[in-house]
Amino acid sequence: MGAAGTVVVVVEILAGTDVCTVIVTVDADGQVPEDVVRHARLGVISYFGEFDGFIAGALHVSSDGERLVQYLQWDSEAAYVRCRDDPWWDELSSTERFMSHVRAGRVVIDVRVFAVAVELTQQFGGPGDD
């Protein structure tokens, strides 16, 4: 457990596995709109876990607020594609708000599937370890 009862999850990144890594970047001219951040956050904390094959995800927002990066791991590319293509996404009001920013040119999205080429895992202890 982490501070204030939060659970600390460590995502293991390993080269040479069949894990599918998807990295989504959203760039804005200025601050990424809050409803875009909210939609991406909901994906990680609420939605992706409903799909078979989802392993883990993280959402990062740059310190200047102009870029959002979503890091996702799936047990296969096929699992990711099933999630991506599910018509359920079209029913969400947050998807419509997100896509309205894309259509208006307020944000630019790039989605790519990656293979881990090399990894380095730093060993660390828990809080208070020297």
Foldseek 3Di string as FASTA:
>chain_A
DDPPPDDDDDDDADAPAQKKKKKKKKFFPAADDPLLVVVLVCCQPPNVVVFAFWDHKDWDADPRRGMIMIITIGNHVVSVVCSVPDCVLVVDPSSVVNVVCVVVVRMDMDMDIDGDPDDDDDDDDDPPDD
